[in-house]
Amino acid sequence: MNDIDFERRLEAALAGYADRPVESGVAWRRFTERRRQAAVGRARRLVTATAAGAVAVAAVAVPYALRPGGSERPSTTAGSEHGLAIRARIGIPGRGHGPGDSDIVDAVGGLRGQVWVMTYGGTLARIDPRSDRVMLRRHLAGLTALTAGAGAVWALLAVKRPHIKSQLVKLNPVTGRKIASTNLIPHCGTISFGGGELWAACGHGSGTDFVRFDPSSLALLTHGGPAYGVSAIAATAHGIWYAGKSGVSGFVGRFKLTWVNSSDPADLADTDSLVYADRSLWAFDGGENVARVNPATGRITKVYSAARYDPTGDLSLNFLAVDRNSIWFLRDASYRATAVLRVSLATGRPVGQVSGVGSCGEPCWQIYVTQGSAWVPTQTNLARISPGRVSG
């Protein structure tokens, strides 16, 4: 396909974009089904090793007292001797009357000292990490994806209008009220903010296209695609990266995008998690190794070997988050409880772990790091896990 054909195809997919209504004034449900299937598949592959003998992760047996605002606090900092502690379990009730898939948190983002979350049922909520209280809660019809950055909260809505399938909405970071919006012709299933860049992934019959927006005006800046078999995306300061049929690939550049495929010594063709943090791209492969990737060139600059943090291969690690000091893994302890393992970026060795985080009804598939804590959605609440000090 030449450049002219590509331009014509994208123009057709985004036809009518210029007529969007703009009011003045941080996944495709996170590719949920793919992530669930990957988690279940990994659990099955490791069940034999787990039965033979698992590496012990200290259990946390903590009495909890109900706190106002739907949050529970441990009466002690249990697990702190292992570098981590479950500091709160925050309930985020939606339109339903009890726990379940529709009330599970689907996305977490941090902005200006606050934590914003969305549930599968379309509830948008703001949490104050100082008190672990839900300070704002509202329902957004069609809420599909959420991210935060550039001084705003960004929501992607599925809409049912003639010739319109999606809407990108810019929200006030304090009130959650709409500041501006733009209608999109194609169905766009997820959004990502990273390195100052805002991207949406829009799928149709011929693959997935990526569209970059100006966070100030919502103007369309550039686009790249198609991509096939997309299971995760991450916006970076250099472009948009995704895990797909070709492994980990990206469209990099400012306005004229270049397709780049990352080298593959860490088996990146089976990538479960892809995140942008500390000016690098991080890919978690099917062998539990983590590759640090240069987001401008796709070159793998370092590989963190699972032999250092899971030497017996029986921890059943699923999905990751990264901050300046650590890699955070979800550990599929059982279908009833999930654990979290923290690994030092400096040494590649474990520096903290905590179990009893909670259940998602099946192995959990998401973990986030923002505002100084790790956040794990469970079937009944959002668990907040506070780190200890990293030492060597």
Protein backbone atom coordinates (compact mmCIF):
# COMPACT_ATOMS: atom_id res chain seq x y z
CA MET A 1 0.00 0.00 0.00
CA ASN A 2 1.48 3.35 -1.00
CA ASP A 3 1.18 6.60 0.92
CA ILE A 4 -1.67 7.91 -1.21
CA ASP A 5 -3.77 4.77 -0.70
CA PHE A 6 -3.08 4.89 3.00
CA GLU A 7 -4.14 8.54 3.24
CA ARG A 8 -7.33 7.85 1.33
CA ARG A 9 -8.24 4.91 3.59
CA LEU A 10 -7.73 6.97 6.75
CA GLU A 11 -9.59 9.92 5.33
CA ALA A 12 -12.54 7.63 4.62
CA ALA A 13 -12.38 6.14 8.12
CA LEU A 14 -12.30 9.58 9.72
CA ALA A 15 -14.63 11.31 7.30
CA GLY A 16 -16.57 14.11 8.91
CA TYR A 17 -14.00 14.64 11.63
CA ALA A 18 -13.72 18.35 10.81
CA ASP A 19 -17.41 18.78 11.64
CA ARG A 20 -16.96 17.68 15.23
CA PRO A 21 -18.57 19.80 17.97
CA VAL A 22 -15.97 21.35 20.24
CA GLU A 23 -17.18 23.02 23.39
CA SER A 24 -15.06 25.72 24.89
CA GLY A 25 -14.57 26.33 28.31
CA VAL A 26 -5.23 9.47 31.09
CA ALA A 27 -8.81 0.36 27.14
CA TRP A 28 -10.92 -0.99 24.64
CA ARG A 29 -11.88 -1.94 28.08
CA ARG A 30 -8.11 -2.50 28.28
CA PHE A 31 -8.47 -5.23 25.77
CA THR A 32 -10.19 -7.05 28.59
CA GLU A 33 -11.03 -10.29 26.91
CA ARG A 34 -7.49 -10.78 25.59
CA ARG A 35 -6.02 -10.05 28.99
CA ARG A 36 -8.41 -12.42 30.75
CA GLN A 37 -7.62 -15.18 28.29
CA ALA A 38 -3.88 -14.60 28.68
CA ALA A 39 -4.11 -14.73 32.45
CA VAL A 40 -6.13 -17.94 32.41
CA GLY A 41 -3.77 -19.53 29.89
CA ARG A 42 -0.72 -18.66 31.98
CA ALA A 43 -2.34 -20.07 35.10
CA ARG A 44 -3.03 -23.35 33.32
CA ARG A 45 0.51 -23.60 31.96
CA LEU A 46 1.95 -23.18 35.44
CA VAL A 47 -0.46 -25.28 37.43
CA THR A 48 1.89 -28.28 37.51
CA ALA A 49 4.81 -26.24 38.79
CA THR A 50 2.60 -24.56 41.35
CA ALA A 51 1.39 -27.89 42.67
CA ALA A 52 4.99 -29.08 43.00
CA GLY A 53 5.79 -26.24 45.34
CA ALA A 54 5.34 -22.51 45.20
CA VAL A 55 7.76 -19.90 46.44
CA ALA A 56 6.17 -18.59 49.62
CA VAL A 57 4.72 -15.12 49.55
CA ALA A 58 3.99 -13.90 53.04
CA ALA A 59 0.28 -14.03 53.77
CA VAL A 60 -1.34 -10.93 55.14
CA ALA A 61 -4.02 -11.61 57.71
CA VAL A 62 -5.32 -8.19 58.66
CA PRO A 63 -8.43 -7.13 60.53
CA TYR A 64 -10.24 -4.35 58.65
CA ALA A 65 -12.59 -1.73 59.94
CA LEU A 66 -15.14 -0.08 57.68
CA ARG A 67 -14.32 3.58 57.08
CA PRO A 68 -16.62 6.33 55.90
CA GLY A 69 -16.72 6.79 52.13
CA GLY A 70 -16.53 3.09 51.28
CA SER A 71 -12.89 2.58 52.22
CA GLU A 72 -11.35 0.05 54.58
CA ARG A 73 -8.03 0.52 56.35
CA PRO A 74 -5.83 -2.17 57.85
CA SER A 75 -5.43 -1.73 61.61
CA THR A 76 -1.71 -2.35 61.14
CA THR A 77 0.79 -1.96 58.32
CA ALA A 78 0.73 -5.68 57.64
CA GLY A 79 3.21 -6.90 55.08
CA SER A 80 5.60 -4.02 55.70
CA GLU A 81 8.30 -6.45 56.76
CA HIS A 82 8.28 -7.61 53.15
CA GLY A 83 8.47 -4.08 51.75
CA LEU A 84 4.78 -3.76 50.86
CA ALA A 85 1.52 -3.23 52.71
CA ILE A 86 -2.13 -3.23 51.73
CA ARG A 87 -3.03 0.23 52.94
CA ALA A 88 -6.66 0.42 51.86
CA ARG A 89 -9.49 -1.39 50.11
CA ILE A 90 -11.65 1.22 48.44
CA GLY A 91 -15.18 0.40 47.40
CA ILE A 92 -16.39 2.13 44.25
CA PRO A 93 -20.08 1.31 43.93
CA GLY A 94 -21.65 1.87 40.56
CA ARG A 95 -25.22 1.63 39.41
CA GLY A 96 -25.55 -1.98 40.58
CA HIS A 97 -26.22 -3.22 44.06
CA GLY A 98 -23.23 -5.47 44.69
CA PRO A 99 -19.86 -6.72 43.49
CA GLY A 100 -19.46 -8.13 40.03
CA ASP A 101 -17.90 -7.52 36.66
CA SER A 102 -19.80 -4.30 36.01
CA ASP A 103 -18.48 -2.77 39.23
CA ILE A 104 -14.85 -3.85 38.81
CA VAL A 105 -12.44 -1.00 38.15
CA ASP A 106 -11.22 -1.07 34.54
CA ALA A 107 -8.74 1.83 34.45
CA VAL A 108 -6.73 3.91 36.93
CA GLY A 109 -4.96 7.22 36.29
CA GLY A 110 -3.31 9.82 38.49
CA LEU A 111 -3.36 13.58 38.13
CA ARG A 112 -2.53 16.47 40.47
CA GLY A 113 -2.46 14.35 43.61
CA GLN A 114 -5.77 12.64 42.81
CA VAL A 115 -6.59 9.18 41.44
CA TRP A 116 -9.25 8.77 38.75
CA VAL A 117 -10.87 5.42 38.00
CA MET A 118 -13.58 3.98 35.78
CA THR A 119 -15.59 0.77 36.14
CA TYR A 120 -16.94 -1.56 33.50
CA GLY A 121 -20.40 -0.32 34.36
CA GLY A 122 -19.54 3.23 33.33
CA THR A 123 -18.85 4.79 36.73
CA LEU A 124 -16.25 7.55 36.85
CA ALA A 125 -14.78 8.25 40.30
CA ARG A 126 -12.12 10.46 41.89
CA ILE A 127 -10.19 9.23 44.95
CA ASP A 128 -8.20 11.37 47.37
CA PRO A 129 -5.09 9.27 48.26
CA ARG A 130 -4.63 11.23 51.49
CA SER A 131 -7.83 9.80 52.94
CA ASP A 132 -8.55 6.94 50.50
CA ARG A 133 -12.04 8.32 50.16
CA VAL A 134 -14.10 8.54 47.00
CA MET A 135 -14.64 12.27 46.61
CA LEU A 136 -16.65 12.25 43.36
CA ARG A 137 -18.69 9.64 41.58
CA ARG A 138 -20.77 9.90 38.42
CA HIS A 139 -22.08 7.70 35.64
CA LEU A 140 -21.05 8.32 32.02
CA ALA A 141 -23.13 6.49 29.44
CA GLY A 142 -20.95 4.52 27.04
CA LEU A 143 -17.73 5.01 29.04
CA THR A 144 -15.17 2.77 27.35
CA ALA A 145 -11.69 4.02 28.27
CA LEU A 146 -9.98 6.51 30.58
CA THR A 147 -6.59 8.16 30.86
CA ALA A 148 -5.14 11.31 32.41
CA GLY A 149 -2.55 13.86 31.38
CA ALA A 150 -1.93 17.41 30.14
CA GLY A 151 -3.96 18.77 33.05
CA ALA A 152 -7.13 16.89 32.13
CA VAL A 153 -8.94 13.59 32.45
CA TRP A 154 -9.78 11.98 29.10
CA ALA A 155 -12.72 9.67 28.52
CA LEU A 156 -13.69 7.69 25.45
CA LEU A 157 -17.40 7.07 25.01
CA ALA A 158 -19.24 4.67 22.72
CA VAL A 159 -22.15 6.51 21.13
CA LYS A 160 -25.05 5.51 18.92
CA ARG A 161 -25.63 8.32 16.48
CA PRO A 162 -25.93 8.36 12.70
CA HIS A 163 -22.39 8.00 11.28
CA ILE A 164 -20.84 8.54 14.75
CA LYS A 165 -19.49 5.62 16.83
CA SER A 166 -17.20 7.22 19.42
CA GLN A 167 -16.64 10.46 21.29
CA LEU A 168 -13.45 11.71 22.91
CA VAL A 169 -14.24 13.87 25.93
CA LYS A 170 -11.94 16.19 27.88
CA LEU A 171 -12.95 16.41 31.57
CA ASN A 172 -12.17 18.91 34.31
CA PRO A 173 -9.62 17.28 36.70
CA VAL A 174 -11.49 18.54 39.77
CA THR A 175 -15.17 18.31 38.95
CA GLY A 176 -15.17 15.69 36.20
CA ARG A 177 -17.33 17.96 34.08
CA LYS A 178 -16.94 18.08 30.31
CA ILE A 179 -14.67 20.79 28.96
CA ALA A 180 -14.59 19.79 25.32
CA SER A 181 -15.49 16.87 23.08
CA THR A 182 -15.01 15.59 19.57
CA ASN A 183 -17.05 13.06 17.63
CA LEU A 184 -15.32 10.24 15.77
CA ILE A 185 -16.72 8.34 12.82
CA PRO A 186 -14.91 5.01 13.44
CA HIS A 187 -15.24 2.93 16.58
CA CYS A 188 -12.35 3.84 18.87
CA GLY A 189 -11.87 1.42 21.73
CA THR A 190 -9.03 2.76 23.86
CA ILE A 191 -6.95 5.86 24.57
CA SER A 192 -3.47 6.33 25.99
CA PHE A 193 -1.53 9.34 27.26
CA GLY A 194 2.25 9.30 27.63
CA GLY A 195 5.16 11.67 27.16
CA GLY A 196 2.76 14.56 26.56
CA GLU A 197 1.00 12.73 23.72
CA LEU A 198 -2.65 11.67 23.47
CA TRP A 199 -3.54 8.73 21.19
CA ALA A 200 -6.67 6.74 20.39
CA ALA A 201 -6.84 3.27 18.85
CA CYS A 202 -9.65 2.90 16.35
CA GLY A 203 -10.56 -0.49 14.97
CA HIS A 204 -12.38 -1.52 11.83
CA GLY A 205 -12.47 -4.47 9.46
CA SER A 206 -9.04 -3.82 7.95
CA GLY A 207 -7.13 -3.47 11.22
CA THR A 208 -6.43 -0.91 13.92
CA ASP A 209 -5.54 2.71 13.18
CA PHE A 210 -3.90 5.04 15.70
CA VAL A 211 -4.86 8.70 15.86
CA ARG A 212 -2.94 11.42 17.73
CA PHE A 213 -4.79 14.47 19.06
CA ASP A 214 -3.71 17.88 20.24
CA PRO A 215 -4.63 17.88 23.98
CA SER A 216 -5.35 21.60 23.84
CA SER A 217 -7.66 21.82 20.84
CA LEU A 218 -8.56 18.15 20.19
CA ALA A 219 -7.38 18.68 16.63
CA LEU A 220 -6.24 15.61 14.72
CA LEU A 221 -2.46 15.81 14.36
CA THR A 222 -1.42 12.57 12.68
CA HIS A 223 -2.36 8.94 12.27
CA GLY A 224 -0.71 5.56 11.70
CA GLY A 225 -1.81 2.07 10.74
CA PRO A 226 -3.11 -0.41 10.06
CA ALA A 227 -1.94 -2.73 12.83
CA TYR A 228 -3.16 -6.30 13.30
CA GLY A 229 -3.83 -8.45 16.36
CA VAL A 230 -3.40 -5.50 18.72
CA SER A 231 -3.58 -6.57 22.39
CA ALA A 232 -2.00 -3.59 24.19
CA ILE A 233 -0.96 -0.02 23.39
CA ALA A 234 1.24 2.62 25.02
CA ALA A 235 1.61 6.27 24.06
CA THR A 236 5.15 7.62 24.40
CA ALA A 237 6.99 10.87 23.79
CA HIS A 238 8.07 9.50 20.40
CA GLY A 239 4.89 7.91 19.08
CA ILE A 240 2.47 5.07 19.69
CA TRP A 241 3.60 1.50 20.44
CA TYR A 242 1.55 -1.67 20.45
CA ALA A 243 1.76 -5.43 20.97
CA GLY A 244 0.40 -7.28 17.95
CA LYS A 245 1.01 -10.01 15.40
CA SER A 246 4.48 -8.63 14.61
CA GLY A 247 5.52 -8.52 18.25
CA VAL A 248 6.14 -5.09 19.77
CA SER A 249 5.96 -2.37 17.12
CA GLY A 250 5.39 1.35 16.93
CA PHE A 251 4.62 4.32 14.72
CA VAL A 252 7.22 6.92 15.68
CA GLY A 253 7.76 10.53 14.65
CA ARG A 254 6.02 13.87 15.01
CA PHE A 255 3.88 14.24 11.91
CA LYS A 256 5.30 11.82 9.35
CA LEU A 257 5.23 8.50 11.16
CA THR A 258 7.63 5.60 10.58
CA TRP A 259 6.74 2.01 11.45
CA VAL A 260 9.36 0.39 13.70
CA ASN A 261 9.54 -3.19 14.93
CA SER A 262 11.44 -3.97 18.12
CA SER A 263 14.16 -6.61 18.12
CA ASP A 264 12.95 -9.78 19.73
CA PRO A 265 15.48 -11.65 21.93
CA ALA A 266 13.04 -11.65 24.85
CA ASP A 267 10.20 -13.35 22.91
CA LEU A 268 8.21 -10.15 22.60
CA ALA A 269 5.84 -11.85 20.20
CA ASP A 270 3.95 -13.00 23.33
CA THR A 271 3.64 -9.68 25.17
CA ASP A 272 1.04 -9.43 27.93
CA SER A 273 1.78 -5.92 29.21
CA LEU A 274 3.13 -2.82 27.52
CA VAL A 275 3.68 0.38 29.50
CA TYR A 276 5.57 3.66 29.14
CA ALA A 277 7.45 4.83 32.23
CA ASP A 278 10.75 6.49 33.11
CA ARG A 279 11.20 7.55 29.44
CA SER A 280 11.23 3.91 28.31
CA LEU A 281 8.84 1.35 26.95
CA TRP A 282 8.45 -1.82 29.03
CA ALA A 283 7.27 -5.13 27.57
CA PHE A 284 6.41 -8.23 29.60
CA ASP A 285 6.71 -11.40 27.55
CA GLY A 286 5.25 -14.88 27.86
CA GLY A 287 8.39 -16.19 29.57
CA GLU A 288 8.06 -13.66 32.41
CA ASN A 289 11.05 -11.64 31.18
CA VAL A 290 10.79 -7.85 30.93
CA ALA A 291 12.39 -5.88 28.09
CA ARG A 292 13.25 -2.21 28.40
CA VAL A 293 12.84 -0.66 24.95
CA ASN A 294 13.99 2.65 23.52
CA PRO A 295 10.70 4.24 22.37
CA ALA A 296 12.41 6.23 19.60
CA THR A 297 14.23 3.33 17.91
CA GLY A 298 12.66 0.13 19.23
CA ARG A 299 16.05 -1.12 20.39
CA ILE A 300 15.97 -3.29 23.50
CA THR A 301 18.35 -1.67 25.98
CA LYS A 302 18.01 -4.15 28.84
CA VAL A 303 16.30 -7.44 29.62
CA TYR A 304 15.23 -8.29 33.16
CA SER A 305 15.43 -12.06 33.45
CA ALA A 306 12.74 -13.99 35.29
CA ALA A 307 15.56 -16.16 36.64
CA ARG A 308 16.29 -13.37 39.12
CA TYR A 309 12.78 -12.79 40.49
CA ASP A 310 11.11 -16.13 39.71
CA PRO A 311 13.99 -18.65 39.62
CA THR A 312 11.75 -21.72 40.01
CA GLY A 313 9.17 -20.47 37.52
CA ASP A 314 6.22 -21.12 39.80
CA LEU A 315 5.07 -17.60 40.77
CA SER A 316 2.70 -17.36 37.80
CA LEU A 317 3.31 -13.64 37.16
CA ASN A 318 0.66 -11.79 35.18
CA PHE A 319 1.01 -8.21 33.90
CA LEU A 320 3.12 -5.36 35.18
CA ALA A 321 3.41 -1.69 36.05
CA VAL A 322 6.63 0.34 36.29
CA ASP A 323 7.78 3.40 38.22
CA ARG A 324 11.20 5.05 38.54
CA ASN A 325 12.52 2.44 40.97
CA SER A 326 10.56 -0.75 40.47
CA ILE A 327 8.68 -3.23 38.35
CA TRP A 328 5.39 -4.33 39.90
CA PHE A 329 3.98 -7.73 38.96
CA LEU A 330 0.61 -9.30 39.59
CA ARG A 331 1.14 -12.79 40.97
CA ASP A 332 -1.67 -15.22 40.28
CA ALA A 333 -1.68 -16.83 43.73
CA SER A 334 -5.04 -18.54 43.15
CA TYR A 335 -8.49 -17.86 41.82
CA ARG A 336 -9.38 -16.55 45.28
CA ALA A 337 -6.53 -14.16 45.97
CA THR A 338 -3.98 -12.22 43.97
CA ALA A 339 -0.52 -11.22 45.18
CA VAL A 340 1.85 -8.42 44.16
CA LEU A 341 5.61 -8.73 43.71
CA ARG A 342 7.90 -5.70 43.56
CA VAL A 343 11.28 -5.94 41.78
CA SER A 344 14.11 -3.41 41.91
CA LEU A 345 15.06 -1.80 38.61
CA ALA A 346 18.63 -1.48 39.87
CA THR A 347 19.20 -5.16 40.68
CA GLY A 348 16.35 -7.05 39.03
CA ARG A 349 15.70 -8.80 42.34
CA PRO A 350 12.58 -8.83 44.54
CA VAL A 351 12.35 -6.11 47.18
CA GLY A 352 8.78 -6.58 48.37
CA GLN A 353 5.76 -8.80 48.14
CA VAL A 354 2.29 -9.02 49.59
CA SER A 355 -0.53 -11.55 49.22
CA GLY A 356 -4.22 -11.59 49.95
CA VAL A 357 -4.85 -8.64 47.64
CA GLY A 358 -8.20 -9.94 46.46
CA SER A 359 -10.06 -11.87 43.79
CA CYS A 360 -11.40 -10.80 40.41
CA GLY A 361 -13.60 -13.88 40.10
CA GLU A 362 -10.75 -15.32 38.03
CA PRO A 363 -7.05 -14.37 37.84
CA CYS A 364 -6.69 -10.59 37.98
CA TRP A 365 -5.23 -8.89 34.93
CA GLN A 366 -4.47 -5.27 35.80
CA ILE A 367 -2.10 -3.35 38.04
CA TYR A 368 -1.32 0.38 38.02
CA VAL A 369 1.24 2.59 39.74
CA THR A 370 0.38 6.23 40.39
CA GLN A 371 0.51 8.78 43.20
CA GLY A 372 3.11 6.76 45.12
CA SER A 373 1.15 3.48 45.33
CA ALA A 374 0.20 0.42 43.33
CA TRP A 375 -3.49 -0.12 42.62
CA VAL A 376 -5.10 -3.49 41.88
CA PRO A 377 -8.77 -3.80 40.88
CA THR A 378 -10.54 -6.74 42.53
CA GLN A 379 -14.08 -8.03 42.38
CA THR A 380 -15.19 -6.07 45.44
CA ASN A 381 -12.83 -3.10 45.73
CA LEU A 382 -9.75 -1.29 44.53
CA ALA A 383 -6.75 -2.40 46.61
CA ARG A 384 -4.08 0.19 47.35
CA ILE A 385 -0.58 -1.16 48.06
CA SER A 386 2.07 1.14 49.50
CA PRO A 387 5.76 0.53 48.86
CA GLY A 388 8.57 0.46 51.37
CA ARG A 389 12.02 1.83 50.71
CA VAL A 390 13.97 0.19 47.90
CA SER A 391 17.32 -1.10 49.09
CA GLY A 392 19.93 -2.48 46.69
